[in-house]
Amino acid sequence: MRGNEANRVISVSQGGLYHCRGGRGDPVFYTEDSSDVTVTETLPSKPTVTLQPSWTQIYSGETVTVRCEIQGGEGAQWTYEWRAAKLNTPPTSNEYRIIRATESDSGGYSCRGRRDYFFSEWSDIITLTVSYKPRPVLTVSPSWLSPGASVTLNCEVEHPSAGWSFYWYKAVPDLSEKSSSYELLPDGSGTAQDSYIIHGQTHTAGYVCRAGRGDPEYHTDHSQPKFVWSADVHSAASLTVSPDRVQHFTSDSVSLTCEGNFTEWRVRKFSEDGRLYSDCRRMTGSTCDINTSKSDTAVYWCESGSGEFSSAVNITVQNDGNGPILVSPVHPVTEGASVSLSCSLRTQKILSNVFFYHNDKLIQNDTRGELKISAVSKSDEDFYKCQYSGRESAQSWMSVKVAVSTPESSSFPLLMIFRRILGFMFIFLPLLLFCCRRSKGDRCVYETVRRCENTENGPAEGDFTNVTSVIQLKVINKTRQRGDPEESSDYNNVNANSATALKS
């Protein structure tokens, strides 16, 4: 192995006997050879930089350990050198622990080992990226629900990687802080899946998620709250709109009133551009007054100081000052009820020769100014719009809810049947008793209703025999006087098991 003046220390890759000599001049003058040196162990392979945890993408505040590993160098006394922008670790350490990482810790890391006069190669560079603390993005599906439907929540971290667990919360209104507090959902702590299903959702609600990983666990920020809206009005809290329609002209005065047994309210607004507003600028008591502009096109709902949510409503503001609006109900229409949709201008409320569209399909184009549906069904639930003089309104969704039967209405048919049975009994029982007073020989004395003949073996076919299914007749024994014929008033011989239907 030939060296040069710069190489007084060399690395060898094989074991064996080694010696050296020096030389200088031209021609070269050499010294004698040195004594032999036996090398029985070779230098290990190229070091490797590893991360623990093994995430090259971490976030501000996380902890990570950078480690230099030399395969085949176990048991030897190594010191280490590091190349990194921000490392002041002692040279004898093979690892560097970054606690509460910041963006300045981002960069490439490499290392090499040294033993006596021998140096290993530099390792390949591993790049660590430290980002700002993440805020996951929560999505809900569907945004508008049918009562009792399931809702799916999805929580997405900006730079997804293995090791995340997810936490799911319900947003509870906190009017004193003008924000919301968070309650952990059932079985919503540390799920491995990035989705969560809520069964049987019935009304408007807000949800939040966050993620965590590592040991000790590092948590992201909470996501922005996302809402699932129900148009169904329920008894605890409700929202009414005046005028009672979905679409409004610009500069209209619209009142949103929160109703329910609560003293504190706030009206919330989720705009078309995805912004959530918590305060109504003109809130008087439980009523929010709006002087409409295009930016007021949004979803609105009420939140009480006790954490209740009202039903939600859509409000659309017509930006075309000369265009029409569709006059349609702001709340769901009950299935089976009638509804009328009309078209209106700012300067003219009643119009004729209006075209009406159902899901962009023309359904009425005559001289009538209204679209009347006499008995609404679930198939009528869809988007509607109107057209007048070549100008179209915005389209609005008409929601249809299923009629809920009350206990009184559901029991009405059974009650009517029971009343009819009682009616038959009160009419025919006295006649039966009047007819079937038996004498000796089992022959009826009176024949007011029909001829009624009995035999000792039981009633003849065609008799009224169904009475004992309702009333049991008592046996009455009279005291016989000497010489009187034996007489019985026993009506128990009527057999309910052989009863047939009452016949007139």
Protein backbone atom coordinates (compact mmCIF):
# COMPACT_ATOMS: atom_id res chain seq x y z
CA MET A 1 0.00 0.00 0.00
CA ARG A 2 1.57 3.23 -1.11
CA GLY A 3 1.01 6.38 0.89
CA ASN A 4 2.09 10.01 0.60
CA GLU A 5 3.23 12.86 2.82
CA ALA A 6 -0.31 13.74 3.78
CA ASN A 7 -1.25 10.24 4.88
CA ARG A 8 0.49 9.40 8.12
CA VAL A 9 -2.68 7.69 9.28
CA ILE A 10 -4.44 5.24 6.99
CA SER A 11 -7.46 2.97 7.13
CA VAL A 12 -7.26 -0.71 6.30
CA SER A 13 -10.08 -3.03 5.33
CA GLN A 14 -8.40 -6.42 5.89
CA GLY A 15 -6.51 -8.06 8.72
CA GLY A 16 -2.79 -9.06 8.42
CA LEU A 17 0.81 -7.87 9.04
CA TYR A 18 1.50 -4.24 8.33
CA HIS A 19 4.69 -2.13 8.45
CA CYS A 20 5.75 1.21 7.08
CA ARG A 21 8.84 3.15 5.96
CA GLY A 22 9.55 6.73 4.97
CA GLY A 23 11.19 8.19 1.90
CA ARG A 24 12.31 11.54 0.52
CA GLY A 25 14.33 13.16 -2.25
CA ASP A 26 14.66 12.43 -5.93
CA PRO A 27 15.78 9.78 -6.33
CA VAL A 28 13.90 8.70 -3.20
CA PHE A 29 15.82 7.76 -0.15
CA TYR A 30 13.97 5.23 2.05
CA THR A 31 14.30 4.49 5.71
CA GLU A 32 14.35 1.00 7.00
CA ASP A 33 11.02 -0.77 7.42
CA SER A 34 9.27 -0.45 10.69
CA SER A 35 8.45 -3.37 12.85
CA ASP A 36 5.48 -5.41 11.73
CA VAL A 37 2.06 -4.72 13.18
CA THR A 38 -0.56 -7.45 13.24
CA VAL A 39 -4.09 -6.30 12.44
CA THR A 40 -6.58 -8.93 13.45
CA GLU A 41 -9.73 -6.79 13.26
CA THR A 42 -10.95 -4.67 10.40
CA LEU A 43 -12.80 -1.38 10.60
CA PRO A 44 -16.58 -1.80 10.59
CA SER A 45 -18.80 -0.80 7.74
CA LYS A 46 -20.19 2.65 7.05
CA PRO A 47 -22.23 4.07 9.97
CA THR A 48 -25.98 4.65 9.73
CA VAL A 49 -28.01 7.50 11.23
CA THR A 50 -31.40 6.39 12.63
CA LEU A 51 -34.28 8.25 14.23
CA GLN A 52 -36.33 7.12 17.18
CA PRO A 53 -39.27 7.31 16.57
CA SER A 54 -38.54 6.69 12.89
CA TRP A 55 -40.46 9.74 11.61
CA THR A 56 -38.50 12.08 9.35
CA GLN A 57 -41.46 14.49 9.50
CA ILE A 58 -42.10 15.70 13.05
CA TYR A 59 -43.89 18.68 14.57
CA SER A 60 -42.97 21.56 16.81
CA GLY A 61 -42.91 20.30 20.39
CA GLU A 62 -42.22 16.63 19.64
CA THR A 63 -39.18 14.75 20.96
CA VAL A 64 -36.88 12.68 18.72
CA THR A 65 -33.55 10.87 19.22
CA VAL A 66 -30.88 10.89 16.46
CA ARG A 67 -28.60 7.84 16.78
CA CYS A 68 -25.32 6.82 15.06
CA GLU A 69 -25.03 3.05 14.60
CA ILE A 70 -21.87 1.22 13.42
CA GLN A 71 -22.54 -2.32 12.34
CA GLY A 72 -19.74 -4.69 13.36
CA GLY A 73 -18.26 -2.20 15.80
CA GLU A 74 -19.93 -3.56 18.90
CA GLY A 75 -17.75 -3.74 21.97
CA ALA A 76 -15.18 -1.24 20.70
CA GLN A 77 -14.53 2.13 22.34
CA TRP A 78 -15.81 4.59 19.78
CA THR A 79 -16.10 8.30 19.84
CA TYR A 80 -18.42 10.05 17.43
CA GLU A 81 -18.48 13.13 15.30
CA TRP A 82 -21.67 14.74 14.01
CA ARG A 83 -22.49 17.03 11.15
CA ALA A 84 -25.54 19.11 11.84
CA ALA A 85 -26.38 22.78 11.93
CA LYS A 86 -27.30 22.79 15.60
CA LEU A 87 -25.42 20.10 17.50
CA ASN A 88 -23.26 20.62 20.57
CA THR A 89 -23.22 17.03 21.75
CA PRO A 90 -20.09 15.60 23.39
CA PRO A 91 -17.90 13.69 20.92
CA THR A 92 -18.25 10.44 22.85
CA SER A 93 -22.05 10.26 22.45
CA ASN A 94 -23.57 8.11 19.73
CA GLU A 95 -26.98 9.72 20.03
CA TYR A 96 -28.48 13.16 20.17
CA ARG A 97 -31.87 13.75 21.79
CA ILE A 98 -33.93 16.68 20.54
CA ILE A 99 -36.49 17.70 23.16
CA ARG A 100 -39.40 19.94 22.12
CA ALA A 101 -38.20 20.29 18.58
CA THR A 102 -38.47 23.62 16.78
CA GLU A 103 -38.25 24.54 13.11
CA SER A 104 -34.55 25.34 13.59
CA ASP A 105 -33.87 21.63 14.23
CA SER A 106 -34.77 20.84 10.63
CA GLY A 107 -31.88 19.76 8.44
CA GLY A 108 -29.52 16.93 7.50
CA TYR A 109 -27.75 14.75 10.07
CA SER A 110 -24.72 12.47 9.51
CA CYS A 111 -22.03 10.92 11.71
CA ARG A 112 -18.77 8.95 11.74
CA GLY A 113 -16.94 6.89 14.34
CA ARG A 114 -13.34 7.20 15.62
CA ARG A 115 -11.27 4.61 17.44
CA ASP A 116 -7.73 5.53 18.34
CA TYR A 117 -6.31 6.78 15.03
CA PHE A 118 -8.93 5.14 12.85
CA PHE A 119 -11.97 6.95 11.42
CA SER A 120 -14.97 5.40 9.75
CA GLU A 121 -16.60 6.89 6.70
CA TRP A 122 -19.28 9.52 7.09
CA SER A 123 -22.77 8.10 7.12
CA ASP A 124 -25.38 9.00 4.57
CA ILE A 125 -27.33 12.11 5.48
CA ILE A 126 -30.80 11.70 6.94
CA THR A 127 -33.05 14.74 6.66
CA LEU A 128 -35.32 15.74 9.53
CA THR A 129 -38.19 18.16 8.90
CA VAL A 130 -39.82 19.99 11.79
CA SER A 131 -43.16 21.68 11.01
CA TYR A 132 -45.49 23.85 13.02
CA LYS A 133 -47.85 22.09 15.42
CA PRO A 134 -50.52 20.61 13.16
CA ARG A 135 -54.27 21.17 13.27
CA PRO A 136 -56.15 18.22 11.80
CA VAL A 137 -59.03 18.73 9.40
CA LEU A 138 -62.38 17.24 10.39
CA THR A 139 -65.05 16.40 7.82
CA VAL A 140 -68.60 15.21 8.49
CA SER A 141 -70.87 13.27 6.15
CA PRO A 142 -73.64 14.04 5.57
CA SER A 143 -73.77 17.72 6.51
CA TRP A 144 -77.58 17.71 6.50
CA LEU A 145 -79.14 14.64 8.01
CA SER A 146 -82.42 12.82 8.13
CA PRO A 147 -83.56 12.11 11.71
CA GLY A 148 -81.96 8.94 13.03
CA ALA A 149 -79.36 8.71 10.26
CA SER A 150 -75.73 7.76 10.90
CA VAL A 151 -73.02 10.42 10.72
CA THR A 152 -69.40 9.65 9.76
CA LEU A 153 -66.54 11.80 11.08
CA ASN A 154 -63.11 11.77 9.39
CA CYS A 155 -59.99 13.30 10.97
CA GLU A 156 -57.07 14.01 8.65
CA VAL A 157 -53.56 15.09 9.70
CA GLU A 158 -51.70 17.31 7.23
CA HIS A 159 -48.72 14.96 6.84
CA PRO A 160 -50.17 11.51 7.52
CA SER A 161 -47.83 8.85 8.85
CA ALA A 162 -47.99 5.79 11.02
CA GLY A 163 -48.50 5.98 14.73
CA TRP A 164 -51.38 8.43 15.06
CA SER A 165 -54.27 7.79 17.42
CA PHE A 166 -57.45 9.86 17.18
CA TYR A 167 -59.68 11.53 19.73
CA TRP A 168 -63.31 12.50 19.08
CA TYR A 169 -65.29 15.19 20.88
CA LYS A 170 -68.73 16.78 20.94
CA ALA A 171 -68.71 20.58 20.93
CA VAL A 172 -70.81 22.02 23.77
CA PRO A 173 -71.74 25.73 23.50
CA ASP A 174 -70.15 27.96 26.14
CA LEU A 175 -71.81 31.37 25.83
CA SER A 176 -69.75 32.92 28.64
CA GLU A 177 -66.52 32.33 26.71
CA LYS A 178 -68.11 32.90 23.28
CA SER A 179 -66.73 29.52 22.29
CA SER A 180 -67.34 25.82 22.95
CA SER A 181 -66.07 23.24 25.38
CA TYR A 182 -65.36 19.67 24.28
CA GLU A 183 -66.79 16.44 25.67
CA LEU A 184 -65.17 13.14 24.72
CA LEU A 185 -67.55 10.93 22.73
CA PRO A 186 -68.22 7.34 23.89
CA ASP A 187 -65.26 5.11 22.94
CA GLY A 188 -63.70 8.18 21.32
CA SER A 189 -60.34 8.09 23.09
CA GLY A 190 -57.27 7.03 21.13
CA THR A 191 -58.88 5.12 18.26
CA ALA A 192 -56.56 3.63 15.66
CA GLN A 193 -58.97 4.47 12.86
CA ASP A 194 -59.19 8.00 11.48
CA SER A 195 -62.99 7.74 11.22
CA TYR A 196 -65.79 7.59 13.79
CA ILE A 197 -69.47 6.74 13.19
CA ILE A 198 -72.33 8.22 15.23
CA HIS A 199 -75.55 6.22 15.03
CA GLY A 200 -79.05 7.58 15.46
CA GLN A 201 -78.22 11.28 15.17
CA THR A 202 -81.46 13.30 15.51
CA HIS A 203 -80.58 16.99 15.71
CA THR A 204 -77.99 19.67 14.99
CA ALA A 205 -74.63 19.08 16.70
CA GLY A 206 -70.97 20.12 16.51
CA TYR A 207 -67.90 17.87 16.60
CA VAL A 208 -64.12 18.22 17.00
CA CYS A 209 -61.15 15.86 16.67
CA ARG A 210 -57.44 15.81 17.43
CA ALA A 211 -54.61 13.28 17.06
CA GLY A 212 -51.77 12.03 19.25
CA ARG A 213 -48.66 9.85 18.93
CA GLY A 214 -45.41 8.93 20.67
CA ASP A 215 -44.47 8.12 24.27
CA PRO A 216 -45.02 10.40 26.09
CA GLU A 217 -47.91 11.18 23.77
CA TYR A 218 -47.76 14.33 21.71
CA HIS A 219 -51.12 15.90 20.80
CA THR A 220 -52.05 18.08 17.87
CA ASP A 221 -54.28 21.11 18.23
CA HIS A 222 -58.02 20.52 18.13
CA SER A 223 -59.59 20.72 14.70
CA GLN A 224 -61.99 23.47 13.81
CA PRO A 225 -65.51 22.42 14.83
CA LYS A 226 -67.69 20.96 12.11
CA PHE A 227 -71.45 20.72 12.29
CA VAL A 228 -74.10 18.33 11.14
CA TRP A 229 -77.40 20.14 10.68
CA SER A 230 -80.95 18.95 11.12
CA ALA A 231 -83.86 20.92 9.71
CA ASP A 232 -86.33 19.11 11.99
CA VAL A 233 -87.80 21.27 14.73
CA HIS A 234 -87.67 19.64 18.17
CA SER A 235 -89.18 20.75 21.43
CA ALA A 236 -86.05 21.77 23.36
CA ALA A 237 -84.97 24.60 21.05
CA SER A 238 -86.12 25.99 17.72
CA LEU A 239 -85.36 28.81 15.30
CA THR A 240 -88.06 30.80 13.49
CA VAL A 241 -87.50 33.11 10.53
CA SER A 242 -89.58 36.15 9.67
CA PRO A 243 -90.49 36.49 6.81
CA ASP A 244 -90.94 32.71 6.73
CA ARG A 245 -89.11 31.86 3.52
CA VAL A 246 -85.67 30.68 2.40
CA GLN A 247 -84.86 33.39 -0.16
CA HIS A 248 -84.69 37.13 0.49
CA PHE A 249 -83.75 40.26 -1.42
CA THR A 250 -80.75 42.38 -0.49
CA SER A 251 -81.52 44.99 2.22
CA ASP A 252 -84.50 42.96 3.47
CA SER A 253 -85.15 43.02 7.21
CA VAL A 254 -85.07 39.45 8.46
CA SER A 255 -85.57 38.36 12.08
CA LEU A 256 -84.19 35.11 13.49
CA THR A 257 -85.80 34.19 16.81
CA CYS A 258 -84.59 31.47 19.17
CA GLU A 259 -87.39 29.72 21.05
CA GLY A 260 -87.21 27.39 24.03
CA ASN A 261 -87.12 27.34 27.81
CA PHE A 262 -83.73 29.07 28.09
CA THR A 263 -82.65 32.58 29.07
CA GLU A 264 -79.40 32.86 27.09
CA TRP A 265 -79.02 32.41 23.35
CA ARG A 266 -76.63 33.01 20.53
CA VAL A 267 -77.26 32.73 16.80
CA ARG A 268 -74.48 31.06 14.80
CA LYS A 269 -73.83 31.42 11.11
CA PHE A 270 -71.86 29.20 8.72
CA SER A 271 -71.25 31.16 5.52
CA GLU A 272 -70.78 30.02 1.93
CA ASP A 273 -67.02 30.51 2.17
CA GLY A 274 -66.77 28.15 5.16
CA ARG A 275 -66.46 30.74 7.92
CA LEU A 276 -68.12 30.25 11.29
CA TYR A 277 -69.57 33.32 13.02
CA SER A 278 -70.54 33.30 16.70
CA ASP A 279 -72.04 36.73 17.27
CA CYS A 280 -75.06 38.49 15.83
CA ARG A 281 -74.37 42.21 15.53
CA ARG A 282 -77.98 43.13 16.36
CA MET A 283 -79.12 40.67 19.03
CA THR A 284 -82.06 41.76 21.19
CA GLY A 285 -83.03 39.16 23.76
CA SER A 286 -83.52 35.97 21.76
CA THR A 287 -83.94 37.70 18.37
CA CYS A 288 -81.24 38.46 15.83
CA ASP A 289 -82.12 41.14 13.25
CA ILE A 290 -80.36 41.14 9.88
CA ASN A 291 -80.38 43.74 7.13
CA THR A 292 -79.53 41.26 4.41
CA SER A 293 -76.57 41.39 2.05
CA LYS A 294 -75.03 38.74 -0.19
CA SER A 295 -72.65 37.71 2.60
CA ASP A 296 -75.67 36.68 4.70
CA THR A 297 -76.29 33.64 2.50
CA ALA A 298 -75.54 30.96 5.09
CA VAL A 299 -76.79 28.25 7.44
CA TYR A 300 -78.16 29.59 10.75
CA TRP A 301 -79.00 27.94 14.06
CA CYS A 302 -79.41 28.80 17.75
CA GLU A 303 -77.34 27.64 20.71
CA SER A 304 -78.59 28.00 24.27
CA GLY A 305 -76.64 28.70 27.44
CA SER A 306 -77.49 25.14 28.52
CA GLY A 307 -75.81 23.60 25.50
CA GLU A 308 -78.89 22.92 23.36
CA PHE A 309 -78.87 23.27 19.56
CA SER A 310 -81.91 24.34 17.59
CA SER A 311 -82.87 23.14 14.15
CA ALA A 312 -80.90 24.77 11.34
CA VAL A 313 -82.21 26.86 8.44
CA ASN A 314 -80.82 27.93 5.09
CA ILE A 315 -81.06 31.59 4.08
CA THR A 316 -80.24 32.69 0.53
CA VAL A 317 -79.92 36.36 -0.44
CA GLN A 318 -80.71 37.23 -4.07
CA ASN A 319 -77.89 39.38 -5.41
CA ASP A 320 -79.71 40.35 -8.63
CA GLY A 321 -81.83 43.36 -7.68
CA ASN A 322 -84.13 42.86 -10.69
CA GLY A 323 -84.40 39.08 -10.45
CA PRO A 324 -87.11 37.04 -8.75
CA ILE A 325 -86.93 34.97 -5.58
CA LEU A 326 -88.61 31.64 -4.94
CA VAL A 327 -90.99 31.80 -1.99
CA SER A 328 -90.66 28.41 -0.28
CA PRO A 329 -90.98 27.24 3.35
CA VAL A 330 -87.88 27.56 5.49
CA HIS A 331 -88.74 24.50 7.64
CA PRO A 332 -89.49 20.94 6.45
CA VAL A 333 -92.99 20.20 5.15
CA THR A 334 -94.81 17.28 6.78
CA GLU A 335 -95.50 14.36 4.47
CA GLY A 336 -99.14 14.44 3.37
CA ALA A 337 -99.55 18.19 3.93
CA SER A 338 -100.13 20.71 1.15
CA VAL A 339 -97.60 23.36 0.13
CA SER A 340 -97.53 26.26 -2.32
CA LEU A 341 -94.41 27.67 -3.95
CA SER A 342 -94.52 31.06 -5.65
CA CYS A 343 -92.27 33.56 -7.40
CA SER A 344 -91.87 37.16 -6.27
CA LEU A 345 -90.15 40.36 -7.36
CA ARG A 346 -89.04 43.12 -5.03
CA THR A 347 -91.64 45.43 -6.59
CA GLN A 348 -94.34 42.84 -7.31
CA LYS A 349 -95.31 40.09 -4.90
CA ILE A 350 -97.88 38.24 -7.05
CA LEU A 351 -96.76 37.06 -10.48
CA SER A 352 -98.34 35.00 -13.25
CA ASN A 353 -96.89 33.10 -16.19
CA VAL A 354 -94.17 31.69 -13.98
CA PHE A 355 -92.05 28.67 -14.88
CA PHE A 356 -91.27 26.28 -12.02
CA TYR A 357 -88.39 23.81 -12.02
CA HIS A 358 -87.90 20.69 -9.92
CA ASN A 359 -84.22 19.67 -9.87
CA ASP A 360 -83.67 21.73 -13.05
CA LYS A 361 -86.57 19.97 -14.82
CA LEU A 362 -89.48 22.15 -15.95
CA ILE A 363 -92.66 20.96 -14.22
CA GLN A 364 -95.10 23.89 -14.69
CA ASN A 365 -95.21 26.62 -17.33
CA ASP A 366 -98.81 27.88 -17.48
CA THR A 367 -100.53 31.09 -16.39
CA ARG A 368 -100.67 30.11 -12.74
CA GLY A 369 -98.39 32.00 -10.42
CA GLU A 370 -98.12 29.21 -7.84
CA LEU A 371 -96.90 25.64 -7.77
CA LYS A 372 -99.29 23.74 -5.51
CA ILE A 373 -98.59 20.27 -4.17
CA SER A 374 -101.74 18.98 -2.47
CA ALA A 375 -100.17 16.04 -0.63
CA VAL A 376 -96.40 16.24 -0.24
CA SER A 377 -94.46 12.98 -0.40
CA LYS A 378 -90.81 12.17 0.21
CA SER A 379 -90.24 12.11 -3.56
CA ASP A 380 -91.02 15.87 -3.63
CA GLU A 381 -87.93 16.58 -1.51
CA ASP A 382 -85.46 18.28 -3.86
CA PHE A 383 -84.26 21.58 -5.31
CA TYR A 384 -86.78 24.06 -6.73
CA LYS A 385 -86.48 27.35 -8.58
CA CYS A 386 -88.70 29.68 -10.60
CA GLN A 387 -88.31 31.76 -13.74
CA TYR A 388 -90.12 34.97 -14.67
CA SER A 389 -89.57 37.10 -17.78
CA GLY A 390 -86.37 35.25 -18.59
CA ARG A 391 -84.82 35.74 -15.13
CA GLU A 392 -84.28 32.81 -12.76
CA SER A 393 -84.31 32.71 -9.00
CA ALA A 394 -81.70 30.85 -7.01
CA GLN A 395 -82.64 27.26 -6.27
CA SER A 396 -83.68 26.19 -2.77
CA TRP A 397 -84.01 22.81 -1.15
CA MET A 398 -87.47 21.82 0.08
CA SER A 399 -87.22 19.28 2.88
CA VAL A 400 -89.99 16.78 3.63
CA LYS A 401 -90.33 15.08 7.01
CA VAL A 402 -92.26 11.92 7.78
CA ALA A 403 -95.49 12.43 9.73
CA VAL A 404 -95.13 11.08 13.27
CA SER A 405 -98.19 9.24 14.54
CA THR A 406 -99.29 10.04 18.10
CA PRO A 407 -100.29 7.31 20.58
CA GLU A 408 -103.91 8.49 20.29
CA SER A 409 -103.97 8.22 16.52
CA SER A 410 -102.24 4.84 16.48
CA SER A 411 -104.77 3.36 18.93
CA PHE A 412 -107.80 4.87 17.18
CA PRO A 413 -108.69 1.80 15.02
CA LEU A 414 -108.50 -0.54 18.03
CA LEU A 415 -110.69 1.83 20.03
CA MET A 416 -113.31 1.89 17.26
CA ILE A 417 -113.42 -1.93 17.14
CA PHE A 418 -113.82 -2.12 20.91
CA ARG A 419 -116.66 0.41 20.81
CA ARG A 420 -118.47 -1.58 18.13
CA ILE A 421 -118.20 -4.78 20.18
CA LEU A 422 -119.65 -2.98 23.18
CA GLY A 423 -122.43 -1.60 20.98
CA PHE A 424 -123.39 -5.07 19.78
CA MET A 425 -123.39 -6.36 23.33
CA PHE A 426 -125.65 -3.65 24.72
CA ILE A 427 -128.11 -4.11 21.84
CA PHE A 428 -128.27 -7.90 21.61
CA LEU A 429 -127.59 -9.05 25.20
CA PRO A 430 -131.01 -7.93 26.56
CA LEU A 431 -132.71 -9.47 23.53
CA LEU A 432 -130.79 -12.69 24.06
CA LEU A 433 -131.76 -12.83 27.70
CA PHE A 434 -135.33 -11.98 26.78
CA CYS A 435 -135.37 -14.76 24.16
CA CYS A 436 -133.55 -17.56 25.84
CA ARG A 437 -135.17 -17.98 29.22
CA ARG A 438 -135.50 -21.72 29.27
CA SER A 439 -138.44 -23.67 30.61
CA LYS A 440 -138.86 -27.36 31.18
CA GLY A 441 -138.41 -29.14 27.89
CA ASP A 442 -135.87 -26.49 26.86
CA ARG A 443 -138.32 -24.58 24.68
CA CYS A 444 -138.18 -20.82 24.61
CA VAL A 445 -141.29 -19.16 25.95
CA TYR A 446 -140.81 -15.93 23.98
CA GLU A 447 -139.87 -15.52 20.31
CA THR A 448 -139.25 -11.80 20.11
CA VAL A 449 -136.09 -11.94 17.98
CA ARG A 450 -136.31 -15.30 16.23
CA ARG A 451 -137.50 -18.79 16.99
CA CYS A 452 -135.12 -20.16 19.60
CA GLU A 453 -135.22 -23.87 20.33
CA ASN A 454 -132.74 -25.71 22.51
CA THR A 455 -132.21 -29.32 23.12
CA GLU A 456 -130.61 -31.02 26.05
CA ASN A 457 -127.49 -31.57 23.96
CA GLY A 458 -126.77 -27.82 23.59
CA PRO A 459 -127.83 -24.88 21.49
CA ALA A 460 -129.14 -25.38 18.01
CA GLU A 461 -127.27 -23.97 15.02
CA GLY A 462 -127.99 -20.31 14.45
CA ASP A 463 -128.38 -19.28 18.11
CA PHE A 464 -126.53 -16.28 19.65
CA THR A 465 -123.83 -18.19 21.44
CA ASN A 466 -120.90 -15.77 21.56
CA VAL A 467 -122.05 -13.98 24.70
CA THR A 468 -120.05 -16.05 27.16
CA SER A 469 -116.80 -14.93 25.58
CA VAL A 470 -117.43 -11.60 27.31
CA ILE A 471 -119.79 -12.22 30.22
CA GLN A 472 -120.23 -15.25 32.45
CA LEU A 473 -123.86 -15.66 33.49
CA LYS A 474 -124.54 -16.77 37.04
CA VAL A 475 -126.77 -19.67 37.96
CA ILE A 476 -129.77 -18.51 39.97
CA ASN A 477 -131.65 -21.23 41.89
CA LYS A 478 -135.11 -20.36 43.06
CA THR A 479 -136.73 -22.05 46.07
CA ARG A 480 -139.40 -24.38 44.76
CA GLN A 481 -142.76 -24.52 46.36
CA ARG A 482 -144.44 -27.84 46.74
CA GLY A 483 -146.27 -28.71 43.58
CA ASP A 484 -144.40 -26.31 41.37
CA PRO A 485 -142.66 -27.77 38.32
CA GLU A 486 -138.86 -27.80 38.43
CA GLU A 487 -137.51 -24.67 36.78
CA SER A 488 -133.95 -23.53 36.13
CA SER A 489 -132.43 -20.16 35.20
CA ASP A 490 -129.03 -21.62 34.46
CA TYR A 491 -127.55 -19.88 31.35
CA ASN A 492 -124.06 -21.34 31.74
CA ASN A 493 -124.76 -24.02 29.16
CA VAL A 494 -123.74 -21.59 26.42
CA ASN A 495 -120.34 -22.89 25.29
CA ALA A 496 -117.74 -20.23 24.34
CA ASN A 497 -115.54 -22.79 22.64
CA SER A 498 -118.18 -23.52 20.04
CA ALA A 499 -119.06 -19.85 19.60
CA THR A 500 -119.65 -18.41 16.17
CA ALA A 501 -119.79 -14.80 15.05
CA LEU A 502 -122.87 -12.78 16.01
CA LYS A 503 -125.47 -12.76 13.29
CA SER A 504 -128.34 -10.37 12.92
